[in-house]
Amino acid sequence: MKNDFVSSARSISDMKAHLVLTTKYRRKVLTSAMIDRLKEVVIDLCSKWDCKAIEFNGEENHIHLLFQYYPQMEISKFVGNLKSVTSRKLRQEFSIEINSFYQKKVLWNESYFIASCGGVTISTLKKYIQNQNTPS
């Protein structure tokens, strides 16, 4: 079994998150070429934020990113930066397609979905913690 632990100066961790971004009004804006370009931009952005993109994909109105990060990462700032950079790059490179859906400089919905992910289920982890040998 391969472990996915990463270490920094003061911690060893295995923290992963699943992020979903939806297009504004859930409009079906994204094409295959846009999703391919988004993948490149997201992978590059992850490396700049010292995190690792594990999986990326999308459909016409949303994208999914599974990534691993360090405990000190400010996830809300990362997500804000990711939304800003990807929106700007896509609007520059696919302006004709995107402008047919949106008049303002927008691409993503203001909200997003994010969930932490682990290697084991919560019930398994609960049992492990409950079964620790507490000193008497």
C-alpha atoms as a PDB file:
ATOM      1  CA  MET A   1       0.000   0.000   0.000  1.00  0.00           C
ATOM      2  CA  LYS A   2       1.407   3.367  -1.060  1.00  0.00           C
ATOM      3  CA  ASN A   3       1.222   6.220   1.424  1.00  0.00           C
ATOM      4  CA  ASP A   4       0.533   9.725   0.232  1.00  0.00           C
ATOM      5  CA  PHE A   5       2.053  11.572   3.169  1.00  0.00           C
ATOM      6  CA  VAL A   6       3.826  14.839   2.537  1.00  0.00           C
ATOM      7  CA  SER A   7       6.141  16.473   5.022  1.00  0.00           C
ATOM      8  CA  SER A   8       7.084  20.021   5.781  1.00  0.00           C
ATOM      9  CA  ALA A   9       9.268  21.525   8.496  1.00  0.00           C
ATOM     10  CA  ARG A  10       6.872  20.747  11.338  1.00  0.00           C
ATOM     11  CA  SER A  11       4.266  18.321  10.081  1.00  0.00           C
ATOM     12  CA  ILE A  12       3.541  15.154   8.176  1.00  0.00           C
ATOM     13  CA  SER A  13       0.130  15.150   6.582  1.00  0.00           C
ATOM     14  CA  ASP A  14      -2.179  13.628   4.010  1.00  0.00           C
ATOM     15  CA  MET A  15      -4.837  16.250   3.384  1.00  0.00           C
ATOM     16  CA  LYS A  16      -6.931  16.131   0.255  1.00  0.00           C
ATOM     17  CA  ALA A  17      -9.935  18.128  -0.889  1.00  0.00           C
ATOM     18  CA  HIS A  18     -12.539  17.853  -3.632  1.00  0.00           C
ATOM     19  CA  LEU A  19     -13.418  21.229  -5.167  1.00  0.00           C
ATOM     20  CA  VAL A  20     -16.307  21.874  -7.549  1.00  0.00           C
ATOM     21  CA  LEU A  21     -16.720  25.171  -9.384  1.00  0.00           C
ATOM     22  CA  THR A  22     -19.859  25.874 -11.380  1.00  0.00           C
ATOM     23  CA  THR A  23     -20.285  28.387 -14.170  1.00  0.00           C
ATOM     24  CA  LYS A  24     -22.384  31.468 -13.465  1.00  0.00           C
ATOM     25  CA  TYR A  25     -26.092  30.556 -13.727  1.00  0.00           C
ATOM     26  CA  ARG A  26     -24.916  26.987 -14.504  1.00  0.00           C
ATOM     27  CA  ARG A  27     -24.738  27.949 -18.174  1.00  0.00           C
ATOM     28  CA  LYS A  28     -23.232  25.314 -20.463  1.00  0.00           C
ATOM     29  CA  VAL A  29     -20.214  27.386 -21.461  1.00  0.00           C
ATOM     30  CA  LEU A  30     -17.273  25.005 -21.193  1.00  0.00           C
ATOM     31  CA  THR A  31     -16.054  23.134 -24.251  1.00  0.00           C
ATOM     32  CA  SER A  32     -13.595  20.256 -24.394  1.00  0.00           C
ATOM     33  CA  ALA A  33     -10.820  22.660 -25.438  1.00  0.00           C
ATOM     34  CA  MET A  34     -11.630  24.950 -22.504  1.00  0.00           C
ATOM     35  CA  ILE A  35     -11.540  22.057 -20.048  1.00  0.00           C
ATOM     36  CA  ASP A  36      -8.176  20.928 -21.454  1.00  0.00           C
ATOM     37  CA  ARG A  37      -6.834  24.462 -21.028  1.00  0.00           C
ATOM     38  CA  LEU A  38      -8.316  24.728 -17.539  1.00  0.00           C
ATOM     39  CA  LYS A  39      -6.507  21.534 -16.576  1.00  0.00           C
ATOM     40  CA  GLU A  40      -3.157  23.035 -17.636  1.00  0.00           C
ATOM     41  CA  VAL A  41      -3.811  26.271 -15.755  1.00  0.00           C
ATOM     42  CA  VAL A  42      -5.056  24.485 -12.620  1.00  0.00           C
ATOM     43  CA  ILE A  43      -2.059  22.124 -12.490  1.00  0.00           C
ATOM     44  CA  ASP A  44       0.293  25.094 -12.858  1.00  0.00           C
ATOM     45  CA  LEU A  45      -1.563  27.062 -10.180  1.00  0.00           C
ATOM     46  CA  CYS A  46      -1.470  24.107  -7.787  1.00  0.00           C
ATOM     47  CA  SER A  47       2.303  23.908  -8.072  1.00  0.00           C
ATOM     48  CA  LYS A  48       2.583  27.658  -7.389  1.00  0.00           C
ATOM     49  CA  TRP A  49       0.476  27.162  -4.243  1.00  0.00           C
ATOM     50  CA  ASP A  50       2.649  24.196  -3.199  1.00  0.00           C
ATOM     51  CA  CYS A  51      -0.174  21.706  -3.543  1.00  0.00           C
ATOM     52  CA  LYS A  52      -0.707  18.831  -5.943  1.00  0.00           C
ATOM     53  CA  ALA A  53      -3.514  18.302  -8.432  1.00  0.00           C
ATOM     54  CA  ILE A  54      -4.452  14.630  -8.219  1.00  0.00           C
ATOM     55  CA  GLU A  55      -7.399  14.568 -10.602  1.00  0.00           C
ATOM     56  CA  PHE A  56      -9.175  17.150 -12.761  1.00  0.00           C
ATOM     57  CA  ASN A  57     -12.135  16.996 -15.127  1.00  0.00           C
ATOM     58  CA  GLY A  58     -15.277  18.861 -16.025  1.00  0.00           C
ATOM     59  CA  GLU A  59     -18.483  19.131 -17.982  1.00  0.00           C
ATOM     60  CA  GLU A  60     -20.190  21.985 -19.792  1.00  0.00           C
ATOM     61  CA  ASN A  61     -21.173  23.833 -16.608  1.00  0.00           C
ATOM     62  CA  HIS A  62     -18.732  22.760 -13.879  1.00  0.00           C
ATOM     63  CA  ILE A  63     -15.280  21.434 -13.055  1.00  0.00           C
ATOM     64  CA  HIS A  64     -13.944  19.039 -10.403  1.00  0.00           C
ATOM     65  CA  LEU A  65     -10.501  19.202  -8.807  1.00  0.00           C
ATOM     66  CA  LEU A  66      -9.102  16.695  -6.328  1.00  0.00           C
ATOM     67  CA  PHE A  67      -5.942  18.081  -4.754  1.00  0.00           C
ATOM     68  CA  GLN A  68      -3.537  17.438  -1.908  1.00  0.00           C
ATOM     69  CA  TYR A  69      -2.408  20.319   0.273  1.00  0.00           C
ATOM     70  CA  TYR A  70      -0.370  21.217   3.347  1.00  0.00           C
ATOM     71  CA  PRO A  71      -2.090  22.149   6.642  1.00  0.00           C
ATOM     72  CA  GLN A  72      -0.888  25.760   6.445  1.00  0.00           C
ATOM     73  CA  MET A  73      -2.612  26.393   3.116  1.00  0.00           C
ATOM     74  CA  GLU A  74      -5.402  28.983   3.201  1.00  0.00           C
ATOM     75  CA  ILE A  75      -7.941  27.127   1.091  1.00  0.00           C
ATOM     76  CA  SER A  76     -10.368  30.029   0.638  1.00  0.00           C
ATOM     77  CA  LYS A  77      -7.555  32.214  -0.749  1.00  0.00           C
ATOM     78  CA  PHE A  78      -6.427  29.376  -3.025  1.00  0.00           C
ATOM     79  CA  VAL A  79      -9.969  28.919  -4.360  1.00  0.00           C
ATOM     80  CA  GLY A  80     -10.356  32.675  -4.891  1.00  0.00           C
ATOM     81  CA  ASN A  81      -7.065  32.816  -6.773  1.00  0.00           C
ATOM     82  CA  LEU A  82      -7.956  29.730  -8.813  1.00  0.00           C
ATOM     83  CA  LYS A  83     -11.305  31.221  -9.826  1.00  0.00           C
ATOM     84  CA  SER A  84      -9.755  34.574 -10.688  1.00  0.00           C
ATOM     85  CA  VAL A  85      -6.835  33.227 -12.733  1.00  0.00           C
ATOM     86  CA  THR A  86      -8.834  30.585 -14.621  1.00  0.00           C
ATOM     87  CA  SER A  87     -11.609  33.056 -15.422  1.00  0.00           C
ATOM     88  CA  ARG A  88      -9.139  35.650 -16.705  1.00  0.00           C
ATOM     89  CA  LYS A  89      -7.167  33.176 -18.829  1.00  0.00           C
ATOM     90  CA  LEU A  90     -10.257  31.559 -20.343  1.00  0.00           C
ATOM     91  CA  ARG A  91     -11.844  34.924 -21.088  1.00  0.00           C
ATOM     92  CA  GLN A  92      -8.617  36.003 -22.852  1.00  0.00           C
ATOM     93  CA  GLU A  93      -8.219  32.806 -24.862  1.00  0.00           C
ATOM     94  CA  PHE A  94     -11.876  31.956 -25.559  1.00  0.00           C
ATOM     95  CA  SER A  95     -13.432  35.423 -25.523  1.00  0.00           C
ATOM     96  CA  ILE A  96     -15.812  34.879 -28.438  1.00  0.00           C
ATOM     97  CA  GLU A  97     -17.318  31.713 -26.961  1.00  0.00           C
ATOM     98  CA  ILE A  98     -17.601  33.061 -23.406  1.00  0.00           C
ATOM     99  CA  ASN A  99     -18.892  36.498 -24.426  1.00  0.00           C
ATOM    100  CA  SER A 100     -21.849  34.837 -26.143  1.00  0.00           C
ATOM    101  CA  PHE A 101     -22.962  33.688 -22.650  1.00  0.00           C
ATOM    102  CA  TYR A 102     -21.870  36.568 -20.411  1.00  0.00           C
ATOM    103  CA  GLN A 103     -21.680  40.318 -20.940  1.00  0.00           C
ATOM    104  CA  LYS A 104     -19.724  41.057 -17.754  1.00  0.00           C
ATOM    105  CA  LYS A 105     -16.273  39.736 -16.927  1.00  0.00           C
ATOM    106  CA  VAL A 106     -17.567  36.657 -15.159  1.00  0.00           C
ATOM    107  CA  LEU A 107     -17.239  32.915 -15.577  1.00  0.00           C
ATOM    108  CA  TRP A 108     -17.686  31.203 -12.209  1.00  0.00           C
ATOM    109  CA  ASN A 109     -20.536  31.233  -9.747  1.00  0.00           C
ATOM    110  CA  GLU A 110     -19.638  33.177  -6.583  1.00  0.00           C
ATOM    111  CA  SER A 111     -20.054  30.079  -4.421  1.00  0.00           C
ATOM    112  CA  TYR A 112     -18.226  26.754  -4.598  1.00  0.00           C
ATOM    113  CA  PHE A 113     -18.326  23.272  -3.107  1.00  0.00           C
ATOM    114  CA  ILE A 114     -15.379  21.831  -1.218  1.00  0.00           C
ATOM    115  CA  ALA A 115     -15.094  18.686   0.884  1.00  0.00           C
ATOM    116  CA  SER A 116     -12.165  17.132   2.669  1.00  0.00           C
ATOM    117  CA  CYS A 117     -11.306  13.625   1.557  1.00  0.00           C
ATOM    118  CA  GLY A 118      -9.459  10.893   3.368  1.00  0.00           C
ATOM    119  CA  GLY A 119      -7.993   7.492   2.788  1.00  0.00           C
ATOM    120  CA  VAL A 120     -10.350   5.776   5.229  1.00  0.00           C
ATOM    121  CA  THR A 121     -14.000   6.110   6.103  1.00  0.00           C
ATOM    122  CA  ILE A 122     -15.111   8.099   9.132  1.00  0.00           C
ATOM    123  CA  SER A 123     -16.434   4.949  10.795  1.00  0.00           C
ATOM    124  CA  THR A 124     -13.050   3.215  10.411  1.00  0.00           C
ATOM    125  CA  LEU A 125     -11.258   6.231  11.830  1.00  0.00           C
ATOM    126  CA  LYS A 126     -13.715   6.477  14.745  1.00  0.00           C
ATOM    127  CA  LYS A 127     -13.139   2.806  15.595  1.00  0.00           C
ATOM    128  CA  TYR A 128      -9.375   3.271  15.424  1.00  0.00           C
ATOM    129  CA  ILE A 129      -9.517   6.214  17.837  1.00  0.00           C
ATOM    130  CA  GLN A 130     -11.951   4.444  20.176  1.00  0.00           C
ATOM    131  CA  ASN A 131      -9.692   1.389  20.339  1.00  0.00           C
ATOM    132  CA  GLN A 132      -6.595   3.255  21.502  1.00  0.00           C
ATOM    133  CA  ASN A 133      -5.018   1.886  24.680  1.00  0.00           C
ATOM    134  CA  THR A 134      -5.752   4.673  27.149  1.00  0.00           C
ATOM    135  CA  PRO A 135      -3.235   4.683  30.014  1.00  0.00           C
ATOM    136  CA  SER A 136      -4.680   3.690  33.372  1.00  0.00           C
END
